[in-house]
C-alpha atoms as a PDB file:
ATOM      1  CA  MET A   1     -83.995 -32.250 -42.135  1.00  0.00           C
ATOM      2  CA  ARG A   2     -85.824 -32.523 -45.426  1.00  0.00           C
ATOM      3  CA  GLU A   3     -86.994 -36.037 -44.489  1.00  0.00           C
ATOM      4  CA  VAL A   4     -88.269 -34.813 -41.115  1.00  0.00           C
ATOM      5  CA  MET A   5     -90.059 -31.973 -42.906  1.00  0.00           C
ATOM      6  CA  ARG A   6     -91.635 -34.490 -45.292  1.00  0.00           C
ATOM      7  CA  LEU A   7     -92.796 -36.569 -42.322  1.00  0.00           C
ATOM      8  CA  LYS A   8     -94.141 -33.440 -40.608  1.00  0.00           C
ATOM      9  CA  ALA A   9     -96.251 -32.686 -43.691  1.00  0.00           C
ATOM     10  CA  ARG A  10     -97.587 -36.239 -43.780  1.00  0.00           C
ATOM     11  CA  TYR A  11     -98.021 -36.700 -39.999  1.00  0.00           C
ATOM     12  CA  PRO A  12     -98.454 -33.193 -38.588  1.00  0.00           C
ATOM     13  CA  THR A  13     -99.190 -34.271 -35.018  1.00  0.00           C
ATOM     14  CA  PHE A  14     -96.374 -36.844 -34.823  1.00  0.00           C
ATOM     15  CA  VAL A  15     -93.474 -34.403 -35.319  1.00  0.00           C
ATOM     16  CA  ARG A  16     -93.626 -31.864 -32.500  1.00  0.00           C
ATOM     17  CA  ASN A  17     -91.434 -29.240 -34.202  1.00  0.00           C
ATOM     18  CA  THR A  18     -93.168 -26.496 -36.113  1.00  0.00           C
ATOM     19  CA  THR A  19     -92.507 -26.290 -39.825  1.00  0.00           C
ATOM     20  CA  ARG A  20     -90.743 -22.962 -39.260  1.00  0.00           C
ATOM     21  CA  SER A  21     -88.412 -24.368 -36.599  1.00  0.00           C
ATOM     22  CA  LEU A  22     -87.484 -27.201 -38.963  1.00  0.00           C
ATOM     23  CA  GLU A  23     -86.795 -24.687 -41.743  1.00  0.00           C
ATOM     24  CA  LEU A  24     -84.498 -22.764 -39.405  1.00  0.00           C
ATOM     25  CA  MET A  25     -82.384 -25.903 -38.952  1.00  0.00           C
ATOM     26  CA  LEU A  26     -81.412 -25.786 -42.636  1.00  0.00           C
ATOM     27  CA  PRO A  27     -78.376 -23.865 -43.955  1.00  0.00           C
ATOM     28  CA  PRO A  28     -77.842 -20.923 -43.956  1.00  0.00           C
ATOM     29  CA  HIS A  29     -80.403 -20.272 -41.219  1.00  0.00           C
ATOM     30  CA  ALA A  30     -79.017 -22.712 -38.625  1.00  0.00           C
ATOM     31  CA  ALA A  31     -75.654 -20.968 -38.271  1.00  0.00           C
ATOM     32  CA  ARG A  32     -77.339 -17.590 -37.807  1.00  0.00           C
ATOM     33  CA  VAL A  33     -79.788 -18.964 -35.254  1.00  0.00           C
ATOM     34  CA  THR A  34     -77.084 -20.645 -33.159  1.00  0.00           C
ATOM     35  CA  ALA A  35     -74.809 -17.583 -33.394  1.00  0.00           C
ATOM     36  CA  ALA A  36     -77.603 -15.588 -31.744  1.00  0.00           C
ATOM     37  CA  CYS A  37     -78.839 -18.483 -29.585  1.00  0.00           C
ATOM     38  CA  PRO A  38     -82.168 -17.453 -28.072  1.00  0.00           C
ATOM     39  CA  ALA A  39     -81.938 -20.183 -25.425  1.00  0.00           C
ATOM     40  CA  GLN A  40     -78.788 -18.649 -23.938  1.00  0.00           C
ATOM     41  CA  ARG A  41     -80.710 -15.536 -22.982  1.00  0.00           C
ATOM     42  CA  THR A  42     -84.097 -17.043 -22.129  1.00  0.00           C
ATOM     43  CA  VAL A  43     -83.349 -20.453 -20.561  1.00  0.00           C
ATOM     44  CA  LEU A  44     -81.601 -20.834 -17.218  1.00  0.00           C
ATOM     45  CA  PRO A  45     -79.943 -24.247 -17.144  1.00  0.00           C
ATOM     46  CA  LEU A  46     -79.021 -25.346 -13.628  1.00  0.00           C
ATOM     47  CA  TRP A  47     -76.868 -28.343 -12.851  1.00  0.00           C
ATOM     48  CA  LEU A  48     -76.451 -29.712  -9.372  1.00  0.00           C
ATOM     49  CA  GLU A  49     -72.772 -29.915  -8.451  1.00  0.00           C
ATOM     50  CA  ASP A  50     -72.120 -31.277  -4.963  1.00  0.00           C
ATOM     51  CA  ASP A  51     -74.436 -29.191  -2.768  1.00  0.00           C
ATOM     52  CA  HIS A  52     -75.033 -26.181  -5.041  1.00  0.00           C
ATOM     53  CA  PHE A  53     -76.281 -25.274  -8.490  1.00  0.00           C
ATOM     54  CA  VAL A  54     -74.006 -24.168 -11.325  1.00  0.00           C
ATOM     55  CA  THR A  55     -74.958 -22.563 -14.613  1.00  0.00           C
ATOM     56  CA  PRO A  56     -73.297 -24.180 -17.628  1.00  0.00           C
ATOM     57  CA  PHE A  57     -72.651 -22.436 -20.943  1.00  0.00           C
ATOM     58  CA  CYS A  58     -75.575 -24.288 -22.524  1.00  0.00           C
ATOM     59  CA  CYS A  59     -78.373 -26.518 -21.265  1.00  0.00           C
ATOM     60  CA  TYR A  60     -76.392 -29.343 -22.913  1.00  0.00           C
ATOM     61  CA  GLY A  61     -73.234 -28.498 -20.983  1.00  0.00           C
ATOM     62  CA  ASN A  62     -70.007 -26.553 -21.286  1.00  0.00           C
ATOM     63  CA  ASP A  63     -68.353 -28.700 -23.930  1.00  0.00           C
ATOM     64  CA  VAL A  64     -70.796 -28.190 -26.809  1.00  0.00           C
ATOM     65  CA  ASP A  65     -70.346 -27.538 -30.511  1.00  0.00           C
ATOM     66  CA  CYS A  66     -72.980 -24.961 -31.428  1.00  0.00           C
ATOM     67  CA  THR A  67     -72.366 -25.556 -35.142  1.00  0.00           C
ATOM     68  CA  ARG A  68     -73.886 -29.030 -34.655  1.00  0.00           C
ATOM     69  CA  CYS A  69     -76.833 -27.848 -32.563  1.00  0.00           C
ATOM     70  CA  GLY A  70     -80.219 -29.387 -33.165  1.00  0.00           C
ATOM     71  CA  ALA A  71     -81.750 -28.575 -29.799  1.00  0.00           C
ATOM     72  CA  TRP A  72     -85.509 -28.320 -29.952  1.00  0.00           C
ATOM     73  CA  VAL A  73     -85.627 -25.364 -27.569  1.00  0.00           C
ATOM     74  CA  VAL A  74     -83.158 -23.271 -29.619  1.00  0.00           C
ATOM     75  CA  PHE A  75     -85.021 -23.549 -32.905  1.00  0.00           C
ATOM     76  CA  HIS A  76     -88.473 -23.445 -31.331  1.00  0.00           C
ATOM     77  CA  LEU A  77     -87.625 -20.144 -29.627  1.00  0.00           C
ATOM     78  CA  ALA A  78     -86.054 -18.774 -32.810  1.00  0.00           C
ATOM     79  CA  ALA A  79     -89.202 -19.624 -34.771  1.00  0.00           C
ATOM     80  CA  ARG A  80     -91.389 -17.908 -32.177  1.00  0.00           C
ATOM     81  CA  LEU A  81     -89.160 -14.818 -31.934  1.00  0.00           C
ATOM     82  CA  GLY A  82     -88.798 -14.180 -35.655  1.00  0.00           C
ATOM     83  CA  SER A  83     -86.935 -15.206 -38.772  1.00  0.00           C
ATOM     84  CA  SER A  84     -83.220 -15.918 -38.909  1.00  0.00           C
ATOM     85  CA  ASP A  85     -82.950 -13.023 -41.352  1.00  0.00           C
ATOM     86  CA  ASP A  86     -83.813 -10.708 -38.486  1.00  0.00           C
ATOM     87  CA  VAL A  87     -80.755 -11.302 -36.319  1.00  0.00           C
ATOM     88  CA  GLU A  88     -81.573  -8.280 -34.192  1.00  0.00           C
ATOM     89  CA  THR A  89     -84.874  -9.925 -33.195  1.00  0.00           C
ATOM     90  CA  LEU A  90     -83.108 -13.179 -32.342  1.00  0.00           C
ATOM     91  CA  GLN A  91     -80.613 -11.272 -30.203  1.00  0.00           C
ATOM     92  CA  GLY A  92     -83.412  -9.479 -28.387  1.00  0.00           C
ATOM     93  CA  GLY A  93     -82.538  -6.057 -29.780  1.00  0.00           C
END
């Protein structure tokens, strides 16, 4: 993450992530962000199964390891909603 942050500083338009969303991917912030995943309450993932839609646990599927999450949408939303220190904000409280 530090290397991506360095590249963001050097090429600000090349790396789409905001500096804050990249910071939130670092420990200890990442675990707190994924524990209160803002995408789970604001994104509606729909998968087509046979002739109907199903809603998986995550937009990356049902068999995911949230401790390894690096999804752009999760950390982008967390950065827009507030800091990882404000877990209540991340949980929508």
